[in-house]
Amino acid sequence: MPPDVLLAIAMTAVADGVVVFDPAERIALVNPRVGALFRFDPDRVMTGMDMADFLGVVGTAVGWSAARIATVVDNHRRWQARQESVDIDHHFDDGTILHINFAPLPGHCAVITYRDVTVERRLTDVVAAQAAQAERFRKEIATVVTETDAAAAEGQAMGRAGEAELELIGRDLGDVVVAAQQSTAAMQDAAQTSAMMAGMIDTVVDQVRHTSSAASGAMAHAHETVALSQGLSDHAGSIGSILDIIRAVARQTSLVALNAAIEAARSGEAGRGFAVVAAEVKTLATQTSDAVARIEPQISAMQIATRDVVAANRAIAHDIADIQARAVIVTDTAHSQNERILAITAAIDETALTARAMTDSVEHLEVRNQRFISLARRIGQQLESVHALTHGLSVATETFQATY
């Protein structure tokens, strides 16, 4: 069998894609695996094709842009110019990973091999992830054991501290029982005192009501007195009017007497008797004017006094009305305070009952506290056992980590 046929059969059987370029960067040899790896028809690539054209076919098949294809071509030419071997993993957008090896070939340009390492790389990642997970698991176990051991030790210490605190609470509960009993007695005394105070307030309310009734009567009398005083003031004013009439009559009488004296003088001897009468009338008018002059200040003083009496009576009536209003306010306030005191008394009675119930509850609580102290001691013993177990588990974990 000719060597070319044997080489073609060997290239077809190779699992990797292989492309050999001659010194002019043209394909000298290519196997069908290249087309299968890049998912294009193998007939699109043939011997004699330029390297740039070959990479263009590859780029188009995987969806590269023209700029990216140009970059890939430049990279291959740079590797060829340096005559260096390059190994890279190329990750495609669909998740495929191809390992690309560019190796200079004596007498030729280079040989490029393409190998699908997707499964291999993923298995490597899975193994690494499992190893990391196992390491995290070992660390978590160690952490859990350490924290559990510390928690057990802390719980043991807290159990001892709690036992001591419970003993102190038991002592305090005894003091609370005594205090509750004393509070109950004090509340009972307060309830009795409140009841007595409520009775005293009732008495005060009755007295204020009587005072209010008396003030109402005094108010009525004060109104009557004001009315009488006003009538007296009106009469005093009338008297002043009568004095004005008397004064006018006296002036008129004096004028009549003057006229009579003039006529008597004209009549001569015949009018002498008439002159005597005129003189008497004038004297009477003068006396009347003098009497009015003496009475007028007294009547003025009486009028002033009468007005003062009216004003005083009105002030008294106003004060009595104010006293009556205040008595009503005091009555309402005292009644409200009495209701509050009754409510306070009821609350104190209820509080006393509550205090008695609290005393009983505290006594029961003291009994339960003693039971809880016993339970805390047993828990402390169990925590000591847990601490011993976790310490042994910690030692076993350290041994496991050292071994694996």
Protein backbone atom coordinates (compact mmCIF):
# COMPACT_ATOMS: atom_id res chain seq x y z
CA MET A 1 0.00 0.00 0.00
CA PRO A 2 1.45 3.39 -0.99
CA PRO A 3 2.65 5.64 1.86
CA ASP A 4 0.16 8.39 0.91
CA VAL A 5 -2.73 5.99 1.33
CA LEU A 6 -1.44 4.81 4.69
CA LEU A 7 -1.01 8.43 5.87
CA ALA A 8 -4.53 9.29 4.77
CA ILE A 9 -5.93 6.31 6.69
CA ALA A 10 -3.93 7.29 9.78
CA MET A 11 -5.06 10.91 9.63
CA THR A 12 -8.68 9.83 9.34
CA ALA A 13 -8.38 7.61 12.42
CA VAL A 14 -6.81 10.31 14.55
CA ALA A 15 -9.29 11.70 17.14
CA ASP A 16 -7.72 15.17 17.05
CA GLY A 17 -8.15 17.65 14.25
CA VAL A 18 -4.79 18.09 12.44
CA VAL A 19 -3.76 20.75 9.93
CA VAL A 20 -0.22 20.95 8.44
CA PHE A 21 0.87 24.16 6.71
CA ASP A 22 3.81 24.37 4.30
CA PRO A 23 6.38 27.20 4.38
CA ALA A 24 4.07 29.31 2.16
CA GLU A 25 1.29 29.10 4.83
CA ARG A 26 -0.82 26.80 2.64
CA ILE A 27 -2.51 23.61 3.84
CA ALA A 28 -0.33 20.61 3.07
CA LEU A 29 -2.45 18.11 5.07
CA VAL A 30 -5.80 18.20 6.88
CA ASN A 31 -8.03 15.49 8.31
CA PRO A 32 -11.85 15.40 8.42
CA ARG A 33 -11.88 15.74 12.22
CA VAL A 34 -11.22 19.49 11.85
CA GLY A 35 -14.59 19.99 10.13
CA ALA A 36 -16.33 17.84 12.73
CA LEU A 37 -14.87 19.85 15.61
CA PHE A 38 -15.86 23.20 14.12
CA ARG A 39 -19.17 21.92 12.67
CA PHE A 40 -18.64 22.70 8.99
CA ASP A 41 -18.47 20.53 5.86
CA PRO A 42 -14.95 19.00 5.59
CA ASP A 43 -14.99 19.63 1.81
CA ARG A 44 -14.82 23.38 2.52
CA VAL A 45 -11.17 22.92 3.59
CA MET A 46 -8.70 21.40 1.16
CA THR A 47 -4.97 21.20 0.51
CA GLY A 48 -3.43 24.32 -0.96
CA MET A 49 -5.80 26.68 1.00
CA ASP A 50 -4.12 29.70 2.58
CA MET A 51 -3.93 29.78 6.40
CA ALA A 52 -5.90 33.05 6.51
CA ASP A 53 -8.67 31.54 4.38
CA PHE A 54 -8.73 28.42 6.57
CA LEU A 55 -9.05 30.49 9.76
CA GLY A 56 -11.79 32.53 8.06
CA VAL A 57 -13.79 29.33 7.45
CA VAL A 58 -13.31 28.33 11.09
CA GLY A 59 -14.30 31.79 12.38
CA THR A 60 -17.39 31.95 10.20
CA ALA A 61 -18.47 28.50 11.41
CA VAL A 62 -18.29 29.53 15.10
CA GLY A 63 -19.74 33.00 14.56
CA TRP A 64 -16.71 35.26 14.90
CA SER A 65 -16.68 38.80 13.55
CA ALA A 66 -14.30 39.84 10.79
CA ALA A 67 -12.20 41.81 13.28
CA ARG A 68 -11.86 38.79 15.56
CA ILE A 69 -10.90 36.54 12.60
CA ALA A 70 -8.17 39.06 11.66
CA THR A 71 -6.86 39.00 15.23
CA VAL A 72 -6.71 35.18 15.23
CA VAL A 73 -4.79 35.21 11.92
CA ASP A 74 -2.30 37.74 13.33
CA ASN A 75 -1.78 35.54 16.42
CA HIS A 76 -0.96 32.46 14.26
CA ARG A 77 1.50 34.40 12.12
CA ARG A 78 3.18 35.84 15.22
CA TRP A 79 3.59 32.33 16.66
CA GLN A 80 5.05 31.11 13.34
CA ALA A 81 7.46 34.06 13.17
CA ARG A 82 8.72 33.32 16.68
CA GLN A 83 9.01 29.61 15.94
CA GLU A 84 7.48 28.85 19.35
CA SER A 85 5.12 26.14 20.44
CA VAL A 86 1.84 27.41 21.91
CA ASP A 87 -0.79 25.53 23.95
CA ILE A 88 -4.06 27.28 24.76
CA ASP A 89 -7.59 26.35 25.76
CA HIS A 90 -10.19 28.20 23.70
CA HIS A 91 -13.68 28.55 25.17
CA PHE A 92 -16.41 28.91 22.59
CA ASP A 93 -19.74 30.62 23.20
CA ASP A 94 -21.65 27.31 23.15
CA GLY A 95 -19.55 25.97 26.06
CA THR A 96 -17.19 23.83 23.96
CA ILE A 97 -13.56 23.89 25.05
CA LEU A 98 -10.88 23.08 22.44
CA HIS A 99 -7.23 22.65 23.29
CA ILE A 100 -5.16 24.18 20.48
CA ASN A 101 -1.48 23.29 19.95
CA PHE A 102 0.55 25.32 17.46
CA ALA A 103 3.95 23.69 16.85
CA PRO A 104 6.61 24.79 14.32
CA LEU A 105 7.44 21.93 11.92
CA PRO A 106 10.91 21.62 10.36
CA GLY A 107 10.66 21.95 6.59
CA HIS A 108 7.12 23.27 6.89
CA CYS A 109 5.40 26.26 8.48
CA ALA A 110 3.68 24.56 11.37
CA VAL A 111 1.27 21.85 12.45
CA ILE A 112 -1.90 22.73 14.40
CA THR A 113 -3.82 20.14 16.39
CA TYR A 114 -7.32 20.64 17.79
CA ARG A 115 -8.59 18.48 20.68
CA ASP A 116 -12.05 18.62 22.27
CA VAL A 117 -11.29 18.76 26.00
CA THR A 118 -14.75 19.91 27.11
CA VAL A 119 -15.57 16.77 29.13
CA GLU A 120 -12.03 16.48 30.44
CA ARG A 121 -11.96 20.09 31.68
CA ARG A 122 -15.40 19.80 33.20
CA LEU A 123 -14.42 16.62 35.02
CA THR A 124 -11.35 18.45 36.30
CA ASP A 125 -13.56 21.31 37.50
CA VAL A 126 -15.95 18.86 39.15
CA VAL A 127 -13.08 17.06 40.91
CA ALA A 128 -11.67 20.41 42.06
CA ALA A 129 -15.10 21.52 43.26
CA GLN A 130 -15.59 18.24 45.14
CA ALA A 131 -12.16 18.57 46.71
CA ALA A 132 -12.94 22.14 47.74
CA GLN A 133 -16.33 21.01 49.08
CA ALA A 134 -14.67 18.19 51.02
CA GLU A 135 -12.18 20.67 52.47
CA ARG A 136 -15.01 23.03 53.42
CA PHE A 137 -16.87 20.09 54.95
CA ARG A 138 -13.83 19.11 57.01
CA LYS A 139 -13.42 22.72 58.14
CA GLU A 140 -17.12 23.02 58.94
CA ILE A 141 -16.99 19.79 60.97
CA ALA A 142 -14.01 21.11 62.87
CA THR A 143 -15.74 24.44 63.42
CA VAL A 144 -18.98 22.77 64.56
CA VAL A 145 -17.11 20.51 66.93
CA THR A 146 -15.13 23.42 68.33
CA GLU A 147 -18.22 25.59 68.72
CA THR A 148 -20.20 22.72 70.24
CA ASP A 149 -17.44 22.04 72.72
CA ALA A 150 -17.27 25.74 73.60
CA ALA A 151 -21.06 25.93 73.87
CA ALA A 152 -21.12 22.87 76.12
CA ALA A 153 -18.45 24.41 78.35
CA GLU A 154 -20.31 27.71 78.39
CA GLY A 155 -23.60 25.94 79.10
CA GLN A 156 -21.94 24.09 81.96
CA ALA A 157 -20.71 27.38 83.41
CA MET A 158 -24.12 28.99 82.83
CA GLY A 159 -25.79 26.04 84.55
CA ARG A 160 -23.65 26.56 87.64
CA ALA A 161 -24.29 30.32 87.52
CA GLY A 162 -28.02 29.72 86.98
CA GLU A 163 -28.13 27.38 89.95
CA ALA A 164 -26.56 30.08 92.12
CA GLU A 165 -28.97 32.68 90.74
CA LEU A 166 -31.93 30.42 91.42
CA GLU A 167 -30.85 30.07 95.02
CA LEU A 168 -30.72 33.87 95.27
CA ILE A 169 -34.13 34.07 93.62
CA GLY A 170 -35.47 31.63 96.18
CA ARG A 171 -34.28 33.93 98.96
CA ASP A 172 -35.78 36.94 97.21
CA LEU A 173 -39.07 35.12 96.80
CA GLY A 174 -39.23 34.64 100.55
CA ASP A 175 -38.75 38.39 100.99
CA VAL A 176 -41.43 39.01 98.37
CA VAL A 177 -43.89 36.83 100.28
CA VAL A 178 -43.32 38.87 103.45
CA ALA A 179 -43.60 42.14 101.54
CA ALA A 180 -46.80 40.97 99.84
CA GLN A 181 -48.34 40.07 103.19
CA GLN A 182 -47.43 43.49 104.58
CA SER A 183 -48.82 45.18 101.46
CA THR A 184 -52.09 43.29 101.86
CA ALA A 185 -52.46 44.53 105.44
CA ALA A 186 -51.58 48.10 104.42
CA MET A 187 -54.12 48.01 101.58
CA GLN A 188 -56.84 46.84 103.95
CA ASP A 189 -56.07 49.76 106.29
CA ALA A 190 -56.10 52.14 103.31
CA ALA A 191 -59.49 50.81 102.22
CA GLN A 192 -60.93 51.44 105.70
CA THR A 193 -59.45 54.97 105.73
CA SER A 194 -60.93 55.68 102.29
CA ALA A 195 -64.34 54.49 103.44
CA MET A 196 -64.17 56.86 106.47
CA MET A 197 -63.10 59.72 104.21
CA ALA A 198 -66.03 59.02 101.89
CA GLY A 199 -68.41 59.25 104.88
CA MET A 200 -66.89 62.58 105.97
CA ILE A 201 -67.26 63.96 102.44
CA ASP A 202 -70.92 62.91 102.44
CA THR A 203 -71.40 64.93 105.65
CA VAL A 204 -69.68 67.95 104.09
CA VAL A 205 -71.89 67.63 101.01
CA ASP A 206 -75.04 67.64 103.22
CA GLN A 207 -73.82 70.73 105.08
CA VAL A 208 -73.01 72.53 101.84
CA ARG A 209 -76.46 71.67 100.53
CA HIS A 210 -78.06 73.18 103.67
CA THR A 211 -75.89 76.26 103.19
CA SER A 212 -76.99 76.50 99.59
CA SER A 213 -80.65 76.25 100.66
CA ALA A 214 -80.10 78.99 103.27
CA ALA A 215 -78.38 81.12 100.66
CA SER A 216 -81.38 80.65 98.37
CA GLY A 217 -83.68 81.96 101.16
CA ALA A 218 -81.35 84.86 101.88
CA MET A 219 -81.30 85.61 98.17
CA ALA A 220 -85.08 85.89 98.12
CA HIS A 221 -85.05 88.22 101.17
CA ALA A 222 -82.26 90.25 99.58
CA HIS A 223 -84.37 90.75 96.44
CA GLU A 224 -87.31 91.84 98.63
CA THR A 225 -85.04 94.29 100.50
CA VAL A 226 -83.77 95.69 97.20
CA ALA A 227 -87.35 96.18 96.03
CA LEU A 228 -88.33 97.95 99.28
CA SER A 229 -85.20 100.11 99.18
CA GLN A 230 -85.95 101.06 95.59
CA GLY A 231 -89.50 102.02 96.63
CA LEU A 232 -88.12 104.13 99.47
CA SER A 233 -85.75 105.82 97.04
CA ASP A 234 -88.65 106.53 94.72
CA HIS A 235 -90.66 108.08 97.64
CA ALA A 236 -87.65 110.18 98.58
CA GLY A 237 -87.55 111.45 95.02
CA SER A 238 -91.27 112.24 95.25
CA ILE A 239 -90.67 114.21 98.46
CA GLY A 240 -88.10 116.29 96.60
CA SER A 241 -90.74 117.06 93.97
CA ILE A 242 -93.21 118.13 96.72
CA LEU A 243 -90.56 120.48 98.15
CA ASP A 244 -90.22 122.05 94.72
CA ILE A 245 -94.00 122.60 94.68
CA ILE A 246 -93.95 124.12 98.21
CA ARG A 247 -91.04 126.34 97.20
CA ALA A 248 -92.94 127.53 94.13
CA VAL A 249 -96.07 128.17 96.26
CA ALA A 250 -93.97 130.20 98.74
CA ARG A 251 -92.55 132.32 95.95
CA GLN A 252 -96.03 132.83 94.53
CA THR A 253 -97.34 133.71 97.99
CA SER A 254 -94.55 136.25 98.47
CA LEU A 255 -95.44 137.76 95.12
CA VAL A 256 -99.12 137.93 96.08
CA ALA A 257 -98.18 139.56 99.41
CA LEU A 258 -96.07 142.12 97.57
CA ASN A 259 -98.90 142.93 95.22
CA ALA A 260 -101.30 143.18 98.16
CA ALA A 261 -98.96 145.60 99.97
CA ILE A 262 -98.72 147.72 96.84
CA GLU A 263 -102.50 147.86 96.46
CA ALA A 264 -102.88 148.61 100.19
CA ALA A 265 -100.52 151.54 99.85
CA ARG A 266 -102.49 152.86 96.93
CA SER A 267 -105.80 152.61 98.87
CA GLY A 268 -104.44 154.63 101.73
CA GLU A 269 -106.44 154.48 104.95
CA ALA A 270 -108.97 152.14 103.43
CA GLY A 271 -106.37 149.60 102.57
CA ARG A 272 -104.65 149.53 105.98
CA GLY A 273 -106.32 146.32 107.04
CA PHE A 274 -105.54 144.74 103.73
CA ALA A 275 -101.89 145.76 104.26
CA VAL A 276 -101.89 143.93 107.63
CA VAL A 277 -103.15 140.79 105.93
CA ALA A 278 -100.56 141.16 103.17
CA ALA A 279 -97.83 141.47 105.77
CA GLU A 280 -99.03 138.31 107.49
CA VAL A 281 -99.14 136.50 104.18
CA LYS A 282 -95.62 137.63 103.39
CA THR A 283 -94.44 136.49 106.81
CA LEU A 284 -96.08 133.09 106.23
CA ALA A 285 -94.41 132.80 102.81
CA THR A 286 -91.04 133.69 104.35
CA GLN A 287 -91.47 131.08 107.07
CA THR A 288 -92.47 128.53 104.45
CA SER A 289 -89.34 129.26 102.40
CA ASP A 290 -87.17 129.00 105.52
CA ALA A 291 -88.76 125.65 106.43
CA VAL A 292 -88.19 124.35 102.92
CA ALA A 293 -84.56 125.53 103.09
CA ARG A 294 -84.09 123.64 106.36
CA ILE A 295 -85.86 120.47 105.16
CA GLU A 296 -84.17 120.33 101.72
CA PRO A 297 -80.63 119.22 102.94
CA GLN A 298 -82.23 116.57 105.13
CA ILE A 299 -84.30 115.26 102.23
CA SER A 300 -81.18 115.32 99.97
CA ALA A 301 -79.25 113.39 102.61
CA MET A 302 -82.15 110.92 102.88
CA GLN A 303 -82.19 110.46 99.10
CA ILE A 304 -78.42 109.82 99.05
CA ALA A 305 -78.73 107.38 101.95
CA THR A 306 -81.63 105.66 100.21
CA ARG A 307 -79.59 105.24 97.01
CA ASP A 308 -76.68 103.85 99.08
CA VAL A 309 -79.05 101.39 100.75
CA VAL A 310 -80.33 100.26 97.36
CA ALA A 311 -76.76 99.79 96.07
CA ALA A 312 -75.71 97.95 99.25
CA ASN A 313 -78.74 95.66 99.05
CA ARG A 314 -77.98 94.91 95.42
CA ALA A 315 -74.34 94.12 96.31
CA ILE A 316 -75.58 91.86 99.12
CA ALA A 317 -77.89 90.09 96.67
CA HIS A 318 -74.98 89.67 94.22
CA ASP A 319 -72.73 88.27 96.97
CA ILE A 320 -75.46 85.89 98.10
CA ALA A 321 -75.89 84.73 94.49
CA ASP A 322 -72.12 84.20 94.22
CA ILE A 323 -72.15 82.26 97.51
CA GLN A 324 -74.98 80.14 96.20
CA ALA A 325 -73.10 79.44 92.93
CA ARG A 326 -69.94 78.55 94.84
CA ALA A 327 -71.97 76.27 97.11
CA VAL A 328 -73.27 74.46 94.02
CA ILE A 329 -69.70 74.12 92.70
CA VAL A 330 -68.48 72.86 96.08
CA THR A 331 -71.36 70.39 96.18
CA ASP A 332 -70.59 69.07 92.70
CA THR A 333 -66.84 68.90 93.45
CA ALA A 334 -67.39 67.12 96.74
CA HIS A 335 -69.78 64.69 95.06
CA SER A 336 -67.20 64.04 92.32
CA GLN A 337 -64.42 63.53 94.89
CA ASN A 338 -66.68 61.19 96.83
CA GLU A 339 -67.22 59.10 93.70
CA ARG A 340 -63.46 59.03 93.09
CA ILE A 341 -62.76 57.99 96.66
CA LEU A 342 -65.35 55.23 96.34
CA ALA A 343 -63.65 54.11 93.12
CA ILE A 344 -60.25 54.24 94.85
CA THR A 345 -61.67 52.23 97.73
CA ALA A 346 -62.96 49.61 95.32
CA ALA A 347 -59.59 49.56 93.53
CA ILE A 348 -57.76 49.17 96.83
CA ASP A 349 -60.05 46.29 97.78
CA GLU A 350 -59.40 44.67 94.40
CA THR A 351 -55.66 45.29 94.78
CA ALA A 352 -55.74 43.72 98.21
CA LEU A 353 -57.40 40.64 96.71
CA THR A 354 -54.77 40.64 93.97
CA ALA A 355 -52.02 40.95 96.59
CA ARG A 356 -53.43 37.94 98.41
CA ALA A 357 -53.50 35.99 95.15
CA MET A 358 -49.96 37.17 94.40
CA THR A 359 -48.83 35.98 97.80
CA ASP A 360 -50.26 32.56 97.08
CA SER A 361 -48.68 32.57 93.61
CA VAL A 362 -45.29 33.56 95.01
CA GLU A 363 -45.48 30.74 97.53
CA HIS A 364 -46.25 28.28 94.74
CA LEU A 365 -43.48 29.85 92.67
CA GLU A 366 -41.04 29.31 95.50
CA VAL A 367 -41.92 25.61 95.51
CA ARG A 368 -41.47 25.44 91.73
CA ASN A 369 -38.17 27.32 92.06
CA GLN A 370 -36.85 24.60 94.33
CA ARG A 371 -37.86 22.01 91.74
CA PHE A 372 -36.18 24.08 89.02
CA ILE A 373 -32.97 24.26 91.06
CA SER A 374 -32.93 20.47 91.20
CA LEU A 375 -33.57 20.32 87.45
CA ALA A 376 -30.76 22.85 86.80
CA ARG A 377 -28.36 20.66 88.72
CA ARG A 378 -29.30 17.66 86.59
CA ILE A 379 -28.90 19.79 83.42
CA GLY A 380 -25.44 20.82 84.61
CA GLN A 381 -24.51 17.18 85.00
CA GLN A 382 -25.79 16.43 81.49
CA LEU A 383 -23.79 19.39 80.12
CA GLU A 384 -20.67 17.98 81.73
CA SER A 385 -21.32 14.72 79.85
CA VAL A 386 -21.87 16.66 76.61
CA HIS A 387 -18.62 18.54 77.17
CA ALA A 388 -16.74 15.27 77.56
CA LEU A 389 -18.32 13.86 74.39
CA THR A 390 -17.58 16.98 72.32
CA HIS A 391 -14.01 17.01 73.57
CA GLY A 392 -13.59 13.43 72.37
CA LEU A 393 -15.21 14.34 69.04
CA SER A 394 -12.80 17.29 68.69
CA VAL A 395 -9.82 14.98 69.20
CA ALA A 396 -11.24 12.52 66.63
CA THR A 397 -11.77 15.37 64.13
CA GLU A 398 -8.19 16.56 64.53
CA THR A 399 -7.01 12.99 63.91
CA PHE A 400 -9.24 12.75 60.80
CA GLN A 401 -7.87 16.02 59.42
CA ALA A 402 -4.29 14.91 60.04
CA THR A 403 -4.97 11.60 58.25
CA TYR A 404 -6.92 12.94 55.24
